[in-house]
Amino acid sequence: MYDSMSMYARTFVDKSVIEKLVELKELADKFNTNVEGEQENNKVEETNETNQTSNNENQTGESTNNSTGE
């Protein structure tokens, strides 16, 4: 937003405010990176759980079929 302001409008913004905003943006970027990384990890875990559930269902189905004489 600051970058889109005219040079005249920027003269009303105190430099300490700009420094704080830059600092906050850096922190927000770090947070977003961590959140995105956690989301990717969660997707991998969900996929692994789905695969494990599918494998368990397949094994259960096979053992049931074998117990009925098939």
PDB file of N, CA and C in Angstrom:
ATOM      1  N   MET A   1       0.825  -1.176   0.000  1.00  0.00           N
ATOM      2  CA  MET A   1       0.000   0.000   0.000  1.00  0.00           C
ATOM      3  C   MET A   1       0.886   1.263   0.000  1.00  0.00           C
ATOM      4  N   TYR A   2       1.927   1.206   0.819  1.00  0.00           N
ATOM      5  CA  TYR A   2       2.840   2.346   0.901  1.00  0.00           C
ATOM      6  C   TYR A   2       3.460   2.627  -0.469  1.00  0.00           C
ATOM      7  N   ASP A   3       3.839   1.564  -1.166  1.00  0.00           N
ATOM      8  CA  ASP A   3       4.470   1.732  -2.481  1.00  0.00           C
ATOM      9  C   ASP A   3       3.537   2.396  -3.489  1.00  0.00           C
ATOM     10  N   SER A   4       2.238   2.232  -3.303  1.00  0.00           N
ATOM     11  CA  SER A   4       1.296   2.823  -4.255  1.00  0.00           C
ATOM     12  C   SER A   4       0.969   4.287  -3.925  1.00  0.00           C
ATOM     13  N   MET A   5       1.475   4.772  -2.788  1.00  0.00           N
ATOM     14  CA  MET A   5       1.203   6.159  -2.390  1.00  0.00           C
ATOM     15  C   MET A   5       2.071   7.127  -3.187  1.00  0.00           C
ATOM     16  N   SER A   6       1.553   8.329  -3.355  1.00  0.00           N
ATOM     17  CA  SER A   6       2.346   9.357  -4.037  1.00  0.00           C
ATOM     18  C   SER A   6       3.479   9.805  -3.110  1.00  0.00           C
ATOM     19  N   MET A   7       4.474  10.439  -3.692  1.00  0.00           N
ATOM     20  CA  MET A   7       5.599  10.926  -2.893  1.00  0.00           C
ATOM     21  C   MET A   7       5.115  11.933  -1.848  1.00  0.00           C
ATOM     22  N   TYR A   8       4.157  12.740  -2.210  1.00  0.00           N
ATOM     23  CA  TYR A   8       3.606  13.723  -1.284  1.00  0.00           C
ATOM     24  C   TYR A   8       2.941  13.019  -0.092  1.00  0.00           C
ATOM     25  N   ALA A   9       2.139  11.999  -0.367  1.00  0.00           N
ATOM     26  CA  ALA A   9       1.444  11.276   0.702  1.00  0.00           C
ATOM     27  C   ALA A   9       2.437  10.551   1.606  1.00  0.00           C
ATOM     28  N   ARG A  10       3.522  10.043   1.040  1.00  0.00           N
ATOM     29  CA  ARG A  10       4.537   9.338   1.824  1.00  0.00           C
ATOM     30  C   ARG A  10       5.197  10.243   2.855  1.00  0.00           C
ATOM     31  N   THR A  11       5.224  11.557   2.603  1.00  0.00           N
ATOM     32  CA  THR A  11       5.862  12.477   3.558  1.00  0.00           C
ATOM     33  C   THR A  11       5.117  12.522   4.879  1.00  0.00           C
ATOM     34  N   PHE A  12       3.862  12.079   4.923  1.00  0.00           N
ATOM     35  CA  PHE A  12       3.069  12.082   6.148  1.00  0.00           C
ATOM     36  C   PHE A  12       3.243  10.808   6.973  1.00  0.00           C
ATOM     37  N   VAL A  13       3.942   9.836   6.418  1.00  0.00           N
ATOM     38  CA  VAL A  13       4.148   8.570   7.124  1.00  0.00           C
ATOM     39  C   VAL A  13       5.499   8.623   7.824  1.00  0.00           C
ATOM     40  N   ASP A  14       5.473   8.426   9.152  1.00  0.00           N
ATOM     41  CA  ASP A  14       6.695   8.465   9.948  1.00  0.00           C
ATOM     42  C   ASP A  14       7.589   7.269   9.600  1.00  0.00           C
ATOM     43  N   LYS A  15       8.895   7.483   9.570  1.00  0.00           N
ATOM     44  CA  LYS A  15       9.839   6.417   9.210  1.00  0.00           C
ATOM     45  C   LYS A  15       9.771   5.235  10.172  1.00  0.00           C
ATOM     46  N   SER A  16       9.488   5.491  11.443  1.00  0.00           N
ATOM     47  CA  SER A  16       9.392   4.387  12.406  1.00  0.00           C
ATOM     48  C   SER A  16       8.220   3.463  12.072  1.00  0.00           C
ATOM     49  N   VAL A  17       7.153   4.025  11.521  1.00  0.00           N
ATOM     50  CA  VAL A  17       6.008   3.219  11.110  1.00  0.00           C
ATOM     51  C   VAL A  17       6.403   2.317   9.948  1.00  0.00           C
ATOM     52  N   ILE A  18       7.140   2.858   9.014  1.00  0.00           N
ATOM     53  CA  ILE A  18       7.595   2.076   7.858  1.00  0.00           C
ATOM     54  C   ILE A  18       8.484   0.933   8.320  1.00  0.00           C
ATOM     55  N   GLU A  19       9.399   1.217   9.242  1.00  0.00           N
ATOM     56  CA  GLU A  19      10.295   0.180   9.761  1.00  0.00           C
ATOM     57  C   GLU A  19       9.501  -0.935  10.439  1.00  0.00           C
ATOM     58  N   LYS A  20       8.501  -0.577  11.239  1.00  0.00           N
ATOM     59  CA  LYS A  20       7.657  -1.580  11.908  1.00  0.00           C
ATOM     60  C   LYS A  20       6.873  -2.408  10.890  1.00  0.00           C
ATOM     61  N   LEU A  21       6.356  -1.747   9.864  1.00  0.00           N
ATOM     62  CA  LEU A  21       5.605  -2.469   8.846  1.00  0.00           C
ATOM     63  C   LEU A  21       6.492  -3.458   8.096  1.00  0.00           C
ATOM     64  N   VAL A  22       7.712  -3.059   7.788  1.00  0.00           N
ATOM     65  CA  VAL A  22       8.653  -3.964   7.123  1.00  0.00           C
ATOM     66  C   VAL A  22       8.947  -5.152   8.028  1.00  0.00           C
ATOM     67  N   GLU A  23       9.160  -4.875   9.311  1.00  0.00           N
ATOM     68  CA  GLU A  23       9.437  -5.936  10.281  1.00  0.00           C
ATOM     69  C   GLU A  23       8.254  -6.906  10.386  1.00  0.00           C
ATOM     70  N   LEU A  24       7.043  -6.358  10.450  1.00  0.00           N
ATOM     71  CA  LEU A  24       5.851  -7.195  10.523  1.00  0.00           C
ATOM     72  C   LEU A  24       5.663  -8.025   9.259  1.00  0.00           C
ATOM     73  N   LYS A  25       5.964  -7.435   8.113  1.00  0.00           N
ATOM     74  CA  LYS A  25       5.844  -8.186   6.857  1.00  0.00           C
ATOM     75  C   LYS A  25       6.806  -9.364   6.834  1.00  0.00           C
ATOM     76  N   GLU A  26       8.028  -9.154   7.313  1.00  0.00           N
ATOM     77  CA  GLU A  26       9.011 -10.234   7.369  1.00  0.00           C
ATOM     78  C   GLU A  26       8.528 -11.352   8.285  1.00  0.00           C
ATOM     79  N   LEU A  27       7.962 -10.990   9.437  1.00  0.00           N
ATOM     80  CA  LEU A  27       7.422 -11.995  10.348  1.00  0.00           C
ATOM     81  C   LEU A  27       6.243 -12.736   9.724  1.00  0.00           C
ATOM     82  N   ALA A  28       5.380 -12.006   9.041  1.00  0.00           N
ATOM     83  CA  ALA A  28       4.238 -12.633   8.386  1.00  0.00           C
ATOM     84  C   ALA A  28       4.697 -13.596   7.296  1.00  0.00           C
ATOM     85  N   ASP A  29       5.716 -13.216   6.554  1.00  0.00           N
ATOM     86  CA  ASP A  29       6.248 -14.101   5.511  1.00  0.00           C
ATOM     87  C   ASP A  29       6.798 -15.383   6.117  1.00  0.00           C
ATOM     88  N   LYS A  30       7.509 -15.263   7.235  1.00  0.00           N
ATOM     89  CA  LYS A  30       8.034 -16.457   7.915  1.00  0.00           C
ATOM     90  C   LYS A  30       6.887 -17.334   8.390  1.00  0.00           C
ATOM     91  N   PHE A  31       5.856 -16.720   8.964  1.00  0.00           N
ATOM     92  CA  PHE A  31       4.710 -17.472   9.441  1.00  0.00           C
ATOM     93  C   PHE A  31       4.018 -18.194   8.290  1.00  0.00           C
ATOM     94  N   ASN A  32       3.807 -17.493   7.192  1.00  0.00           N
ATOM     95  CA  ASN A  32       3.147 -18.099   6.034  1.00  0.00           C
ATOM     96  C   ASN A  32       3.953 -19.257   5.492  1.00  0.00           C
ATOM     97  N   THR A  33       5.271 -19.137   5.483  1.00  0.00           N
ATOM     98  CA  THR A  33       6.132 -20.226   5.016  1.00  0.00           C
ATOM     99  C   THR A  33       5.965 -21.431   5.915  1.00  0.00           C
ATOM    100  N   ASN A  34       5.939 -21.212   7.230  1.00  0.00           N
ATOM    101  CA  ASN A  34       5.772 -22.320   8.172  1.00  0.00           C
ATOM    102  C   ASN A  34       4.404 -22.964   8.024  1.00  0.00           C
ATOM    103  N   VAL A  35       3.371 -22.167   7.848  1.00  0.00           N
ATOM    104  CA  VAL A  35       2.022 -22.693   7.692  1.00  0.00           C
ATOM    105  C   VAL A  35       1.934 -23.523   6.420  1.00  0.00           C
ATOM    106  N   GLU A  36       2.501 -23.034   5.328  1.00  0.00           N
ATOM    107  CA  GLU A  36       2.474 -23.775   4.067  1.00  0.00           C
ATOM    108  C   GLU A  36       3.217 -25.096   4.218  1.00  0.00           C
ATOM    109  N   GLY A  37       4.333 -25.077   4.922  1.00  0.00           N
ATOM    110  CA  GLY A  37       5.085 -26.305   5.158  1.00  0.00           C
ATOM    111  C   GLY A  37       4.289 -27.299   5.974  1.00  0.00           C
ATOM    112  N   GLU A  38       3.580 -26.836   6.996  1.00  0.00           N
ATOM    113  CA  GLU A  38       2.752 -27.712   7.808  1.00  0.00           C
ATOM    114  C   GLU A  38       1.595 -28.273   6.997  1.00  0.00           C
ATOM    115  N   GLN A  39       1.012 -27.460   6.124  1.00  0.00           N
ATOM    116  CA  GLN A  39      -0.077 -27.934   5.282  1.00  0.00           C
ATOM    117  C   GLN A  39       0.404 -29.045   4.370  1.00  0.00           C
ATOM    118  N   GLU A  40       1.594 -28.896   3.812  1.00  0.00           N
ATOM    119  CA  GLU A  40       2.151 -29.941   2.956  1.00  0.00           C
ATOM    120  C   GLU A  40       2.380 -31.214   3.764  1.00  0.00           C
ATOM    121  N   ASN A  41       2.903 -31.082   4.981  1.00  0.00           N
ATOM    122  CA  ASN A  41       3.119 -32.244   5.843  1.00  0.00           C
ATOM    123  C   ASN A  41       1.802 -32.919   6.169  1.00  0.00           C
ATOM    124  N   ASN A  42       0.760 -32.136   6.431  1.00  0.00           N
ATOM    125  CA  ASN A  42      -0.556 -32.701   6.729  1.00  0.00           C
ATOM    126  C   ASN A  42      -1.107 -33.464   5.535  1.00  0.00           C
ATOM    127  N   LYS A  43      -0.897 -32.943   4.320  1.00  0.00           N
ATOM    128  CA  LYS A  43      -1.367 -33.632   3.116  1.00  0.00           C
ATOM    129  C   LYS A  43      -0.675 -34.979   2.975  1.00  0.00           C
ATOM    130  N   VAL A  44       0.626 -35.012   3.244  1.00  0.00           N
ATOM    131  CA  VAL A  44       1.376 -36.267   3.147  1.00  0.00           C
ATOM    132  C   VAL A  44       0.873 -37.247   4.195  1.00  0.00           C
ATOM    133  N   GLU A  45       0.647 -36.770   5.418  1.00  0.00           N
ATOM    134  CA  GLU A  45       0.144 -37.642   6.472  1.00  0.00           C
ATOM    135  C   GLU A  45      -1.232 -38.181   6.133  1.00  0.00           C
ATOM    136  N   GLU A  46      -2.119 -37.327   5.590  1.00  0.00           N
ATOM    137  CA  GLU A  46      -3.455 -37.771   5.206  1.00  0.00           C
ATOM    138  C   GLU A  46      -3.375 -38.833   4.118  1.00  0.00           C
ATOM    139  N   THR A  47      -2.491 -38.644   3.162  1.00  0.00           N
ATOM    140  CA  THR A  47      -2.316 -39.625   2.091  1.00  0.00           C
ATOM    141  C   THR A  47      -1.825 -40.941   2.658  1.00  0.00           C
ATOM    142  N   ASN A  48      -0.862 -40.880   3.557  1.00  0.00           N
ATOM    143  CA  ASN A  48      -0.348 -42.098   4.186  1.00  0.00           C
ATOM    144  C   ASN A  48      -1.434 -42.809   4.979  1.00  0.00           C
ATOM    145  N   GLU A  49      -2.255 -42.059   5.713  1.00  0.00           N
ATOM    146  CA  GLU A  49      -3.346 -42.659   6.478  1.00  0.00           C
ATOM    147  C   GLU A  49      -4.370 -43.292   5.557  1.00  0.00           C
ATOM    148  N   THR A  50      -4.677 -42.630   4.443  1.00  0.00           N
ATOM    149  CA  THR A  50      -5.634 -43.174   3.477  1.00  0.00           C
ATOM    150  C   THR A  50      -5.101 -44.467   2.884  1.00  0.00           C
ATOM    151  N   ASN A  51      -3.829 -44.467   2.521  1.00  0.00           N
ATOM    152  CA  ASN A  51      -3.217 -45.671   1.968  1.00  0.00           C
ATOM    153  C   ASN A  51      -3.220 -46.803   2.986  1.00  0.00           C
ATOM    154  N   GLN A  52      -2.928 -46.479   4.244  1.00  0.00           N
ATOM    155  CA  GLN A  52      -2.906 -47.498   5.278  1.00  0.00           C
ATOM    156  C   GLN A  52      -4.305 -48.066   5.496  1.00  0.00           C
ATOM    157  N   THR A  53      -5.321 -47.196   5.492  1.00  0.00           N
ATOM    158  CA  THR A  53      -6.701 -47.643   5.659  1.00  0.00           C
ATOM    159  C   THR A  53      -7.100 -48.550   4.501  1.00  0.00           C
ATOM    160  N   SER A  54      -6.728 -48.159   3.291  1.00  0.00           N
ATOM    161  CA  SER A  54      -7.043 -48.980   2.117  1.00  0.00           C
ATOM    162  C   SER A  54      -6.373 -50.343   2.217  1.00  0.00           C
ATOM    163  N   ASN A  55      -5.124 -50.357   2.645  1.00  0.00           N
ATOM    164  CA  ASN A  55      -4.410 -51.625   2.795  1.00  0.00           C
ATOM    165  C   ASN A  55      -5.059 -52.488   3.864  1.00  0.00           C
ATOM    166  N   ASN A  56      -5.475 -51.898   4.967  1.00  0.00           N
ATOM    167  CA  ASN A  56      -6.140 -52.643   6.028  1.00  0.00           C
ATOM    168  C   ASN A  56      -7.460 -53.213   5.547  1.00  0.00           C
ATOM    169  N   GLU A  57      -8.208 -52.442   4.767  1.00  0.00           N
ATOM    170  CA  GLU A  57      -9.475 -52.924   4.230  1.00  0.00           C
ATOM    171  C   GLU A  57      -9.240 -54.076   3.270  1.00  0.00           C
ATOM    172  N   ASN A  58      -8.220 -53.975   2.447  1.00  0.00           N
ATOM    173  CA  ASN A  58      -7.897 -55.055   1.515  1.00  0.00           C
ATOM    174  C   ASN A  58      -7.517 -56.318   2.272  1.00  0.00           C
ATOM    175  N   GLN A  59      -6.725 -56.188   3.306  1.00  0.00           N
ATOM    176  CA  GLN A  59      -6.306 -57.348   4.091  1.00  0.00           C
ATOM    177  C   GLN A  59      -7.502 -57.957   4.808  1.00  0.00           C
ATOM    178  N   THR A  60      -8.389 -57.146   5.342  1.00  0.00           N
ATOM    179  CA  THR A  60      -9.579 -57.630   6.033  1.00  0.00           C
ATOM    180  C   THR A  60     -10.480 -58.362   5.046  1.00  0.00           C
ATOM    181  N   GLY A  61     -10.658 -57.817   3.881  1.00  0.00           N
ATOM    182  CA  GLY A  61     -11.483 -58.445   2.857  1.00  0.00           C
ATOM    183  C   GLY A  61     -10.917 -59.770   2.420  1.00  0.00           C
ATOM    184  N   GLU A  62      -9.595 -59.866   2.285  1.00  0.00           N
ATOM    185  CA  GLU A  62      -8.953 -61.106   1.868  1.00  0.00           C
ATOM    186  C   GLU A  62      -9.114 -62.179   2.932  1.00  0.00           C
ATOM    187  N   SER A  63      -8.941 -61.803   4.206  1.00  0.00           N
ATOM    188  CA  SER A  63      -9.041 -62.788   5.261  1.00  0.00           C
ATOM    189  C   SER A  63     -10.480 -63.264   5.413  1.00  0.00           C
ATOM    190  N   THR A  64     -11.464 -62.389   5.185  1.00  0.00           N
ATOM    191  CA  THR A  64     -12.862 -62.780   5.255  1.00  0.00           C
ATOM    192  C   THR A  64     -13.190 -63.755   4.132  1.00  0.00           C
ATOM    193  N   ASN A  65     -12.676 -63.458   2.930  1.00  0.00           N
ATOM    194  CA  ASN A  65     -12.929 -64.355   1.803  1.00  0.00           C
ATOM    195  C   ASN A  65     -12.291 -65.715   2.040  1.00  0.00           C
ATOM    196  N   ASN A  66     -11.122 -65.740   2.629  1.00  0.00           N
ATOM    197  CA  ASN A  66     -10.448 -67.016   2.888  1.00  0.00           C
ATOM    198  C   ASN A  66     -11.173 -67.816   3.949  1.00  0.00           C
ATOM    199  N   SER A  67     -11.790 -67.185   4.927  1.00  0.00           N
ATOM    200  CA  SER A  67     -12.463 -67.890   5.991  1.00  0.00           C
ATOM    201  C   SER A  67     -13.771 -68.498   5.530  1.00  0.00           C
ATOM    202  N   THR A  68     -14.329 -68.038   4.413  1.00  0.00           N
ATOM    203  CA  THR A  68     -15.603 -68.578   3.904  1.00  0.00           C
ATOM    204  C   THR A  68     -15.357 -69.709   2.919  1.00  0.00           C
ATOM    205  N   GLY A  69     -14.102 -70.046   2.697  1.00  0.00           N
ATOM    206  CA  GLY A  69     -13.816 -71.147   1.799  1.00  0.00           C
ATOM    207  C   GLY A  69     -13.579 -70.748   0.385  1.00  0.00           C
ATOM    208  N   GLU A  70     -13.463 -69.468   0.093  1.00  0.00           N
ATOM    209  CA  GLU A  70     -13.220 -69.016  -1.287  1.00  0.00           C
ATOM    210  C   GLU A  70     -11.774 -69.104  -1.647  1.00  0.00           C
TER     211      GLU A  70
END
